[in-house]
Amino acid sequence: MSGHWPPRRGRIAALPLVGALLFVGTPAAATSAASHARATCPFPHAKVVRASSLARVFRAGEFLAGCSRDHKIKTIAHEGSLEDGMGSEDYAHVRVAGTWVAFEGTGYFLPITESLVTVVDLRRAGKRVEKGTTGYSNGFRLTAPARIVHLPSNVHVTDLELRNSGTVAWIQSDPATGQLAVRVRTRHATTDLAAGADIDPASLHLKGTRLSWMQAGAEHSARIA
């Protein structure tokens, strides 16, 4: 993405916590760094995963984090072993539209996997990075997602699209039966649009409000909110 981010209109003042996080040392050094630097999103050297004109999502240690134009950093997902040692978790199919973020989060508790389709509004959910931390992961608190859909055990997402209204659509696959399904989650409900073993698992496409996918060699579509 080229140009200045965020847009110059509505620019927000610097976030003092950035200096505290990135320059751990004497209080004077942290204060000086914070007072001379603009707030940055993402942190320097963090890898941007997805971005829109209003928000960015990036990797921060073991966490997936994001921020909108207010520069408040929010945690979205975690990747790695669980603290109790009973499994691990990761994320995939990350999408950003406006200030909304959607992704598939999966927990591995072998031989079972549990997947969730999660949607977060970066304008509302989340906590700031805690002051005085020494690294990315130490300073984050996982946030409650705005919307979440639990998939059946061992069912996973193969493709995902997101609207700037927060509506999310995805194709899910059940390896045990060979069946796939196209589903949509709006603010109010989850709807099944199609099902069958003949759905192309990577064919989901969104343009405006028109969602399309391939099934039995033909294109199908539906309007979503």
Protein backbone atom coordinates (compact mmCIF):
# COMPACT_ATOMS: atom_id res chain seq x y z
CA MET A 1 0.00 0.00 0.00
CA SER A 2 1.39 3.35 -0.99
CA GLY A 3 0.92 6.78 0.51
CA HIS A 4 0.50 7.96 4.06
CA TRP A 5 -1.35 5.75 6.51
CA PRO A 6 -3.61 6.58 8.16
CA PRO A 7 -5.10 9.24 5.88
CA ARG A 8 -4.01 12.74 6.81
CA ARG A 9 -7.55 13.80 7.57
CA GLY A 10 -8.46 12.94 11.14
CA ARG A 11 -4.86 12.26 12.21
CA ILE A 12 -4.58 11.24 15.86
CA ALA A 13 -2.01 12.44 18.38
CA ALA A 14 0.89 10.17 19.38
CA LEU A 15 0.26 7.21 21.66
CA PRO A 16 2.56 7.41 24.71
CA LEU A 17 2.51 3.66 25.27
CA VAL A 18 4.42 2.96 22.07
CA GLY A 19 7.60 4.45 23.50
CA ALA A 20 7.17 2.53 26.73
CA LEU A 21 6.85 -0.73 24.83
CA LEU A 22 9.64 -0.34 22.32
CA PHE A 23 12.26 1.38 24.45
CA VAL A 24 12.41 -0.48 27.71
CA GLY A 25 14.95 1.20 29.94
CA THR A 26 15.00 4.30 32.08
CA PRO A 27 11.72 6.23 32.50
CA ALA A 28 13.42 9.29 30.99
CA ALA A 29 14.35 7.38 27.83
CA ALA A 30 10.83 6.05 27.42
CA THR A 31 9.32 9.49 27.97
CA SER A 32 11.71 11.09 25.48
CA ALA A 33 11.00 8.45 22.84
CA ALA A 34 7.27 8.83 23.28
CA SER A 35 7.35 12.62 23.13
CA HIS A 36 9.36 12.76 19.91
CA ALA A 37 7.72 9.99 17.90
CA ARG A 38 4.33 9.77 16.29
CA ALA A 39 2.20 6.76 17.13
CA THR A 40 2.90 3.93 14.72
CA CYS A 41 0.73 1.11 13.56
CA PRO A 42 2.06 -1.49 13.35
CA PHE A 43 5.08 -1.51 15.62
CA PRO A 44 8.39 -1.07 13.79
CA HIS A 45 9.56 -4.33 12.17
CA ALA A 46 6.17 -6.02 12.66
CA LYS A 47 4.89 -7.89 9.61
CA VAL A 48 1.64 -6.52 8.20
CA VAL A 49 -0.72 -9.38 7.33
CA ARG A 50 -3.67 -7.43 5.92
CA ALA A 51 -4.63 -3.77 5.66
CA SER A 52 -7.40 -1.43 4.55
CA SER A 53 -7.50 2.36 4.36
CA LEU A 54 -8.85 2.38 7.94
CA ALA A 55 -7.03 -0.44 9.71
CA ARG A 56 -3.99 -2.69 9.75
CA VAL A 57 -3.50 -6.20 11.06
CA PHE A 58 0.00 -7.45 11.86
CA ARG A 59 1.97 -10.19 13.58
CA ALA A 60 3.33 -9.27 17.00
CA GLY A 61 5.26 -12.16 18.50
CA GLU A 62 2.81 -15.03 18.97
CA PHE A 63 -0.15 -12.73 18.51
CA LEU A 64 -2.19 -11.36 15.67
CA ALA A 65 -2.85 -7.71 16.48
CA GLY A 66 -4.51 -4.77 14.80
CA CYS A 67 -5.31 -1.11 15.06
CA SER A 68 -7.57 1.43 13.42
CA ARG A 69 -6.92 5.13 12.95
CA ASP A 70 -7.02 5.79 16.70
CA HIS A 71 -3.74 3.78 16.97
CA LYS A 72 -4.96 1.73 19.92
CA ILE A 73 -3.39 -1.70 19.54
CA LYS A 74 -5.78 -4.61 20.03
CA THR A 75 -5.07 -8.32 20.14
CA ILE A 76 -7.12 -10.53 17.86
CA ALA A 77 -5.67 -14.05 17.97
CA HIS A 78 -2.86 -16.18 19.35
CA GLU A 79 -0.57 -18.68 17.62
CA GLY A 80 1.40 -21.27 19.55
CA SER A 81 1.15 -23.72 22.44
CA LEU A 82 -1.47 -23.25 25.12
CA GLU A 83 -0.30 -22.41 28.62
CA ASP A 84 -1.68 -25.64 30.05
CA GLY A 85 0.29 -27.69 27.50
CA MET A 86 -2.86 -29.49 26.37
CA GLY A 87 -2.81 -28.27 22.79
CA SER A 88 -2.01 -25.41 20.45
CA GLU A 89 -3.83 -22.80 18.40
CA ASP A 90 -3.32 -20.78 15.26
CA TYR A 91 -5.19 -18.60 12.77
CA ALA A 92 -5.69 -18.46 9.00
CA HIS A 93 -7.70 -16.74 6.24
CA VAL A 94 -7.24 -13.28 7.75
CA ARG A 95 -9.32 -10.59 6.01
CA VAL A 96 -9.73 -6.85 6.64
CA ALA A 97 -12.57 -4.63 5.39
CA GLY A 98 -12.96 -1.13 6.78
CA THR A 99 -12.27 -1.52 10.51
CA TRP A 100 -13.51 -5.13 10.59
CA VAL A 101 -11.22 -8.16 10.78
CA ALA A 102 -12.27 -11.76 10.18
CA PHE A 103 -10.29 -15.00 10.39
CA GLU A 104 -10.43 -18.70 11.17
CA GLY A 105 -9.00 -19.58 14.55
CA THR A 106 -8.23 -23.25 15.22
CA GLY A 107 -7.45 -25.10 18.43
CA TYR A 108 -5.64 -28.43 18.17
CA PHE A 109 -6.50 -30.95 20.89
CA LEU A 110 -5.46 -34.10 19.04
CA PRO A 111 -7.18 -36.04 17.65
CA ILE A 112 -9.80 -33.27 17.61
CA THR A 113 -9.54 -29.80 16.10
CA GLU A 114 -11.96 -26.99 16.91
CA SER A 115 -12.32 -24.11 14.47
CA LEU A 116 -14.01 -20.75 14.98
CA VAL A 117 -14.93 -18.09 12.46
CA THR A 118 -14.26 -14.86 14.32
CA VAL A 119 -15.10 -11.26 13.46
CA VAL A 120 -13.70 -8.27 15.37
CA ASP A 121 -14.43 -4.55 15.01
CA LEU A 122 -11.16 -2.75 15.75
CA ARG A 123 -13.02 0.44 16.66
CA ARG A 124 -14.59 -1.18 19.69
CA ALA A 125 -12.97 -4.41 20.89
CA GLY A 126 -9.73 -4.67 22.76
CA LYS A 127 -7.30 -3.24 25.27
CA ARG A 128 -4.27 -1.05 24.86
CA VAL A 129 -0.82 -2.45 25.22
CA GLU A 130 0.05 -2.43 28.91
CA LYS A 131 2.59 0.15 29.98
CA GLY A 132 6.14 -0.93 30.77
CA THR A 133 6.16 -4.34 29.10
CA THR A 134 9.33 -5.84 27.67
CA GLY A 135 7.99 -7.47 24.52
CA TYR A 136 5.03 -7.79 22.25
CA SER A 137 3.29 -10.82 23.73
CA ASN A 138 3.72 -9.78 27.35
CA GLY A 139 1.82 -6.57 26.76
CA PHE A 140 -1.35 -7.94 25.21
CA ARG A 141 -4.65 -9.03 26.61
CA LEU A 142 -6.76 -11.17 24.32
CA THR A 143 -10.00 -9.43 23.46
CA ALA A 144 -13.54 -10.69 23.23
CA PRO A 145 -14.52 -10.94 19.55
CA ALA A 146 -17.60 -9.12 18.31
CA ARG A 147 -19.00 -12.21 16.59
CA ILE A 148 -17.98 -15.84 16.67
CA VAL A 149 -19.23 -19.02 14.96
CA HIS A 150 -18.21 -22.44 16.29
CA LEU A 151 -17.71 -25.03 13.56
CA PRO A 152 -18.28 -28.75 14.18
CA SER A 153 -15.24 -30.72 15.34
CA ASN A 154 -12.63 -31.32 12.62
CA VAL A 155 -14.46 -29.06 10.15
CA HIS A 156 -12.25 -26.29 8.76
CA VAL A 157 -12.49 -23.19 6.57
CA THR A 158 -11.17 -23.35 2.99
CA ASP A 159 -12.01 -19.80 1.86
CA LEU A 160 -13.31 -16.63 3.50
CA GLU A 161 -14.57 -13.15 2.49
CA LEU A 162 -15.50 -10.10 4.57
CA ARG A 163 -17.63 -7.01 3.94
CA ASN A 164 -17.01 -3.61 5.52
CA SER A 165 -20.34 -4.03 7.31
CA GLY A 166 -18.84 -6.88 9.33
CA THR A 167 -20.71 -9.60 7.45
CA VAL A 168 -18.47 -12.60 6.86
CA ALA A 169 -18.87 -15.48 4.40
CA TRP A 170 -16.87 -18.68 4.15
CA ILE A 171 -16.65 -22.15 2.67
CA GLN A 172 -16.17 -24.95 5.17
CA SER A 173 -15.13 -28.54 4.59
CA ASP A 174 -15.79 -31.72 6.54
CA PRO A 175 -13.05 -34.26 5.67
CA ALA A 176 -15.02 -37.10 7.25
CA THR A 177 -17.96 -36.77 4.85
CA GLY A 178 -16.40 -34.91 1.93
CA GLN A 179 -19.15 -32.31 2.18
CA LEU A 180 -18.62 -28.57 1.83
CA ALA A 181 -20.90 -25.65 2.67
CA VAL A 182 -21.13 -21.95 1.90
CA ARG A 183 -22.20 -19.97 4.97
CA VAL A 184 -22.75 -16.33 5.90
CA ARG A 185 -22.75 -14.65 9.31
CA THR A 186 -24.41 -11.24 9.66
CA ARG A 187 -24.96 -9.22 12.80
CA HIS A 188 -28.08 -11.21 13.56
CA ALA A 189 -27.75 -14.78 12.26
CA THR A 190 -25.77 -17.47 10.44
CA THR A 191 -27.24 -18.64 7.11
CA ASP A 192 -26.36 -21.64 4.93
CA LEU A 193 -26.31 -20.69 1.23
CA ALA A 194 -25.20 -23.96 -0.37
CA ALA A 195 -23.97 -27.45 0.47
CA GLY A 196 -22.50 -30.40 -1.41
CA ALA A 197 -19.35 -32.28 -2.33
CA ASP A 198 -19.18 -30.44 -5.68
CA ILE A 199 -18.43 -26.95 -4.27
CA ASP A 200 -15.04 -25.57 -5.30
CA PRO A 201 -13.35 -25.03 -1.90
CA ALA A 202 -11.38 -21.95 -3.01
CA SER A 203 -13.93 -20.24 -5.27
CA LEU A 204 -15.50 -17.68 -2.93
CA HIS A 205 -15.53 -14.15 -4.34
CA LEU A 206 -17.09 -10.95 -3.03
CA LYS A 207 -17.75 -7.79 -5.03
CA GLY A 208 -19.87 -5.19 -3.28
CA THR A 209 -22.82 -7.12 -1.87
CA ARG A 210 -22.59 -9.94 -4.42
CA LEU A 211 -21.07 -13.16 -3.12
CA SER A 212 -20.29 -15.88 -5.65
CA TRP A 213 -18.87 -19.40 -5.65
CA MET A 214 -18.47 -22.33 -8.02
CA GLN A 215 -20.51 -25.50 -7.64
CA ALA A 216 -20.80 -28.38 -10.13
CA GLY A 217 -18.80 -26.30 -12.61
CA ALA A 218 -21.27 -23.39 -12.56
CA GLU A 219 -21.17 -20.03 -10.82
CA HIS A 220 -23.72 -19.38 -8.09
CA SER A 221 -24.29 -16.11 -6.26
CA ALA A 222 -26.26 -14.40 -3.50
CA ARG A 223 -26.61 -10.89 -2.13
CA ILE A 224 -25.37 -10.38 1.41
CA ALA A 225 -25.86 -7.48 3.80
